[in-house]
């Protein structure tokens, strides 16, 4: 499949994460999901997570954090109250994200900003100094000679 490099690296990181889990937790994750990650992961990635350093300090990709959150919610979290709380947090985060996208790509705001930019560009053009070309001495002589020839020919 056509996965980008970052996604494939995230799959490699998630496989490394799953390998750190105790056997009973690993068994809760469906085998077909683990196999999918293994098939699609970046084979060149030598990223191995360790228990010696906290996950926060291992510079995981954002996509890896997303996958960890999904796996935890779907397969590893056993407390129903915690699941509901996580679902609410995820829903709130999604709502905020959609609002940011809506605000960022709001057509009215884009057109308004475009109008401001055009006005600013026009103001800049108006404020530019006008270049006054002065003819140098040789150009004046050539122009004078051209005028003499044109007068004689007409």
C-alpha atoms as a PDB file:
ATOM      1  CA  UNK A   1       0.000   0.000   0.000  1.00  0.00           C
ATOM      2  CA  UNK A   2       1.080   3.599  -0.462  1.00  0.00           C
ATOM      3  CA  UNK A   3       1.874   4.630   3.085  1.00  0.00           C
ATOM      4  CA  UNK A   4       4.157   7.583   3.637  1.00  0.00           C
ATOM      5  CA  UNK A   5       7.498   7.220   5.401  1.00  0.00           C
ATOM      6  CA  UNK A   6       6.316   8.810   8.649  1.00  0.00           C
ATOM      7  CA  UNK A   7       3.375   6.403   8.941  1.00  0.00           C
ATOM      8  CA  UNK A   8       5.634   3.433   8.294  1.00  0.00           C
ATOM      9  CA  UNK A   9       8.055   4.624  10.993  1.00  0.00           C
ATOM     10  CA  UNK A  10       5.100   5.034  13.375  1.00  0.00           C
ATOM     11  CA  UNK A  11       4.104   1.420  12.638  1.00  0.00           C
ATOM     12  CA  UNK A  12       7.654   0.310  13.480  1.00  0.00           C
ATOM     13  CA  UNK A  13       7.510   2.284  16.730  1.00  0.00           C
ATOM     14  CA  UNK A  14       4.131   0.786  17.652  1.00  0.00           C
ATOM     15  CA  UNK A  15       5.467  -2.740  17.071  1.00  0.00           C
ATOM     16  CA  UNK A  16       8.358  -1.907  19.388  1.00  0.00           C
ATOM     17  CA  UNK A  17       5.845  -0.546  21.920  1.00  0.00           C
ATOM     18  CA  UNK A  18       3.710  -3.694  21.730  1.00  0.00           C
ATOM     19  CA  UNK A  19       6.812  -5.834  22.273  1.00  0.00           C
ATOM     20  CA  UNK A  20       7.433  -3.966  25.547  1.00  0.00           C
ATOM     21  CA  UNK A  21       3.981  -4.840  26.869  1.00  0.00           C
ATOM     22  CA  UNK A  22       3.535  -7.818  29.175  1.00  0.00           C
ATOM     23  CA  UNK A  23       2.380 -10.965  27.372  1.00  0.00           C
ATOM     24  CA  UNK A  24      -1.169 -10.782  28.762  1.00  0.00           C
ATOM     25  CA  UNK A  25      -1.556  -7.210  27.392  1.00  0.00           C
ATOM     26  CA  UNK A  26      -0.083  -8.187  24.013  1.00  0.00           C
ATOM     27  CA  UNK A  27      -2.665 -10.965  23.709  1.00  0.00           C
ATOM     28  CA  UNK A  28      -5.503  -8.444  24.060  1.00  0.00           C
ATOM     29  CA  UNK A  29      -4.497  -6.785  20.784  1.00  0.00           C
ATOM     30  CA  UNK A  30      -5.868  -8.729  17.789  1.00  0.00           C
ATOM     31  CA  UNK A  31      -3.191 -10.633  15.858  1.00  0.00           C
ATOM     32  CA  UNK A  32      -4.385  -9.268  12.502  1.00  0.00           C
ATOM     33  CA  UNK A  33      -3.712  -5.698  13.695  1.00  0.00           C
ATOM     34  CA  UNK A  34      -0.213  -6.598  14.857  1.00  0.00           C
ATOM     35  CA  UNK A  35       0.438  -8.402  11.563  1.00  0.00           C
ATOM     36  CA  UNK A  36      -0.793  -5.376   9.617  1.00  0.00           C
ATOM     37  CA  UNK A  37       1.623  -3.102  11.488  1.00  0.00           C
ATOM     38  CA  UNK A  38       4.464  -5.575  10.861  1.00  0.00           C
ATOM     39  CA  UNK A  39       3.696  -5.803   7.132  1.00  0.00           C
ATOM     40  CA  UNK A  40       3.355  -2.047   6.650  1.00  0.00           C
ATOM     41  CA  UNK A  41       6.125  -0.851   8.970  1.00  0.00           C
ATOM     42  CA  UNK A  42       9.333   0.727   7.737  1.00  0.00           C
ATOM     43  CA  UNK A  43      11.751  -2.187   7.495  1.00  0.00           C
ATOM     44  CA  UNK A  44      14.738   0.168   7.587  1.00  0.00           C
ATOM     45  CA  UNK A  45      13.670   1.677  10.902  1.00  0.00           C
ATOM     46  CA  UNK A  46      15.917   0.409  13.652  1.00  0.00           C
ATOM     47  CA  UNK A  47      13.856   2.174  16.300  1.00  0.00           C
ATOM     48  CA  UNK A  48      13.660   0.102  19.469  1.00  0.00           C
ATOM     49  CA  UNK A  49      11.859   1.509  22.476  1.00  0.00           C
ATOM     50  CA  UNK A  50      13.177   0.771  25.928  1.00  0.00           C
ATOM     51  CA  UNK A  51      11.729   0.572  29.407  1.00  0.00           C
ATOM     52  CA  UNK A  52      14.785   2.386  30.797  1.00  0.00           C
ATOM     53  CA  UNK A  53      13.481   5.736  29.497  1.00  0.00           C
ATOM     54  CA  UNK A  54       9.908   6.995  29.805  1.00  0.00           C
ATOM     55  CA  UNK A  55       7.886   7.021  26.593  1.00  0.00           C
ATOM     56  CA  UNK A  56       7.610  10.811  26.750  1.00  0.00           C
ATOM     57  CA  UNK A  57      11.395  11.094  26.443  1.00  0.00           C
ATOM     58  CA  UNK A  58      11.805   8.691  23.511  1.00  0.00           C
ATOM     59  CA  UNK A  59      10.780  11.192  20.791  1.00  0.00           C
ATOM     60  CA  UNK A  60       7.938   9.169  19.348  1.00  0.00           C
ATOM     61  CA  UNK A  61       6.150  10.352  16.226  1.00  0.00           C
ATOM     62  CA  UNK A  62       2.738  11.994  16.706  1.00  0.00           C
ATOM     63  CA  UNK A  63       1.215   9.161  14.686  1.00  0.00           C
ATOM     64  CA  UNK A  64       2.697   6.673  17.169  1.00  0.00           C
ATOM     65  CA  UNK A  65       1.064   8.504  20.078  1.00  0.00           C
ATOM     66  CA  UNK A  66      -2.234   8.398  18.189  1.00  0.00           C
ATOM     67  CA  UNK A  67      -1.894   4.646  17.662  1.00  0.00           C
ATOM     68  CA  UNK A  68      -1.010   4.070  21.327  1.00  0.00           C
ATOM     69  CA  UNK A  69      -4.122   6.023  22.345  1.00  0.00           C
ATOM     70  CA  UNK A  70      -6.324   3.985  19.999  1.00  0.00           C
ATOM     71  CA  UNK A  71      -4.869   0.649  21.118  1.00  0.00           C
ATOM     72  CA  UNK A  72      -5.249   1.597  24.751  1.00  0.00           C
ATOM     73  CA  UNK A  73      -8.848   2.712  24.332  1.00  0.00           C
ATOM     74  CA  UNK A  74      -9.945  -0.235  22.187  1.00  0.00           C
ATOM     75  CA  UNK A  75      -8.016  -3.158  23.669  1.00  0.00           C
ATOM     76  CA  UNK A  76      -6.001  -2.395  26.805  1.00  0.00           C
ATOM     77  CA  UNK A  77      -8.243  -0.197  28.963  1.00  0.00           C
ATOM     78  CA  UNK A  78     -10.352  -2.401  31.224  1.00  0.00           C
ATOM     79  CA  UNK A  79     -12.124   0.255  33.304  1.00  0.00           C
ATOM     80  CA  UNK A  80     -15.386   1.325  31.636  1.00  0.00           C
ATOM     81  CA  UNK A  81     -15.425   4.659  33.451  1.00  0.00           C
ATOM     82  CA  UNK A  82     -11.937   5.455  32.213  1.00  0.00           C
ATOM     83  CA  UNK A  83     -12.960   4.473  28.669  1.00  0.00           C
ATOM     84  CA  UNK A  84     -15.900   6.879  28.773  1.00  0.00           C
ATOM     85  CA  UNK A  85     -13.685   9.633  30.124  1.00  0.00           C
ATOM     86  CA  UNK A  86     -11.103   9.026  27.384  1.00  0.00           C
ATOM     87  CA  UNK A  87     -13.813   9.023  24.721  1.00  0.00           C
ATOM     88  CA  UNK A  88     -15.049  12.386  26.004  1.00  0.00           C
ATOM     89  CA  UNK A  89     -11.511  13.797  25.962  1.00  0.00           C
ATOM     90  CA  UNK A  90     -10.935  12.502  22.427  1.00  0.00           C
ATOM     91  CA  UNK A  91     -14.290  13.898  21.273  1.00  0.00           C
ATOM     92  CA  UNK A  92     -13.459  17.316  22.786  1.00  0.00           C
ATOM     93  CA  UNK A  93     -10.023  17.284  21.136  1.00  0.00           C
ATOM     94  CA  UNK A  94     -11.628  16.401  17.810  1.00  0.00           C
ATOM     95  CA  UNK A  95     -14.159  19.218  18.187  1.00  0.00           C
ATOM     96  CA  UNK A  96     -11.383  21.737  18.936  1.00  0.00           C
ATOM     97  CA  UNK A  97      -9.365  20.485  15.979  1.00  0.00           C
ATOM     98  CA  UNK A  98     -12.347  20.830  13.630  1.00  0.00           C
ATOM     99  CA  UNK A  99     -12.996  24.373  14.877  1.00  0.00           C
ATOM    100  CA  UNK A 100      -9.369  25.311  14.238  1.00  0.00           C
ATOM    101  CA  UNK A 101      -9.547  23.892  10.722  1.00  0.00           C
ATOM    102  CA  UNK A 102     -12.865  25.624  10.076  1.00  0.00           C
ATOM    103  CA  UNK A 103     -11.434  28.940  11.284  1.00  0.00           C
ATOM    104  CA  UNK A 104      -8.201  28.500   9.347  1.00  0.00           C
ATOM    105  CA  UNK A 105      -9.901  27.588   6.063  1.00  0.00           C
ATOM    106  CA  UNK A 106     -13.037  29.736   6.411  1.00  0.00           C
ATOM    107  CA  UNK A 107     -13.738  31.022   2.864  1.00  0.00           C
ATOM    108  CA  UNK A 108     -15.028  34.375   4.091  1.00  0.00           C
ATOM    109  CA  UNK A 109     -11.918  34.973   6.161  1.00  0.00           C
ATOM    110  CA  UNK A 110      -9.644  33.889   3.315  1.00  0.00           C
ATOM    111  CA  UNK A 111     -11.371  36.275   0.905  1.00  0.00           C
ATOM    112  CA  UNK A 112     -11.244  39.060   3.485  1.00  0.00           C
ATOM    113  CA  UNK A 113      -7.520  38.490   4.009  1.00  0.00           C
ATOM    114  CA  UNK A 114      -6.956  38.332   0.271  1.00  0.00           C
ATOM    115  CA  UNK A 115      -8.691  41.714  -0.080  1.00  0.00           C
ATOM    116  CA  UNK A 116      -6.483  43.180   2.626  1.00  0.00           C
ATOM    117  CA  UNK A 117      -3.371  41.814   0.939  1.00  0.00           C
ATOM    118  CA  UNK A 118      -4.392  43.297  -2.419  1.00  0.00           C
ATOM    119  CA  UNK A 119      -5.004  46.672  -0.777  1.00  0.00           C
ATOM    120  CA  UNK A 120      -1.644  46.474   0.988  1.00  0.00           C
ATOM    121  CA  UNK A 121       0.093  45.568  -2.274  1.00  0.00           C
ATOM    122  CA  UNK A 122      -1.554  48.499  -4.048  1.00  0.00           C
ATOM    123  CA  UNK A 123      -0.453  50.811  -1.241  1.00  0.00           C
ATOM    124  CA  UNK A 124       3.085  49.479  -1.544  1.00  0.00           C
ATOM    125  CA  UNK A 125       3.072  50.126  -5.285  1.00  0.00           C
ATOM    126  CA  UNK A 126       1.808  53.673  -4.709  1.00  0.00           C
ATOM    127  CA  UNK A 127       4.558  54.291  -2.183  1.00  0.00           C
ATOM    128  CA  UNK A 128       7.371  53.075  -4.415  1.00  0.00           C
ATOM    129  CA  UNK A 129       9.698  55.787  -5.653  1.00  0.00           C
ATOM    130  CA  UNK A 130       9.415  56.656  -9.320  1.00  0.00           C
ATOM    131  CA  UNK A 131      12.551  55.985 -11.243  1.00  0.00           C
ATOM    132  CA  UNK A 132      13.590  58.975 -13.306  1.00  0.00           C
ATOM    133  CA  UNK A 133      15.815  58.060 -16.157  1.00  0.00           C
ATOM    134  CA  UNK A 134      18.345  60.626 -17.060  1.00  0.00           C
ATOM    135  CA  UNK A 135      19.957  60.341 -20.424  1.00  0.00           C
ATOM    136  CA  UNK A 136      23.668  60.229 -20.285  1.00  0.00           C
ATOM    137  CA  UNK A 137      25.791  62.361 -22.606  1.00  0.00           C
ATOM    138  CA  UNK A 138      26.240  59.691 -25.303  1.00  0.00           C
ATOM    139  CA  UNK A 139      22.525  58.940 -25.448  1.00  0.00           C
ATOM    140  CA  UNK A 140      21.828  62.660 -25.949  1.00  0.00           C
ATOM    141  CA  UNK A 141      24.294  62.818 -28.846  1.00  0.00           C
ATOM    142  CA  UNK A 142      22.773  59.725 -30.496  1.00  0.00           C
ATOM    143  CA  UNK A 143      19.296  61.143 -30.097  1.00  0.00           C
ATOM    144  CA  UNK A 144      20.416  64.475 -31.576  1.00  0.00           C
ATOM    145  CA  UNK A 145      22.014  62.737 -34.592  1.00  0.00           C
ATOM    146  CA  UNK A 146      18.857  60.655 -35.135  1.00  0.00           C
ATOM    147  CA  UNK A 147      16.761  63.795 -35.140  1.00  0.00           C
ATOM    148  CA  UNK A 148      19.051  65.410 -37.738  1.00  0.00           C
ATOM    149  CA  UNK A 149      18.717  62.426 -40.080  1.00  0.00           C
ATOM    150  CA  UNK A 150      14.981  62.266 -39.704  1.00  0.00           C
ATOM    151  CA  UNK A 151      14.585  65.948 -40.526  1.00  0.00           C
ATOM    152  CA  UNK A 152      16.660  65.603 -43.702  1.00  0.00           C
ATOM    153  CA  UNK A 153      14.758  62.497 -44.840  1.00  0.00           C
ATOM    154  CA  UNK A 154      11.302  64.057 -44.459  1.00  0.00           C
END
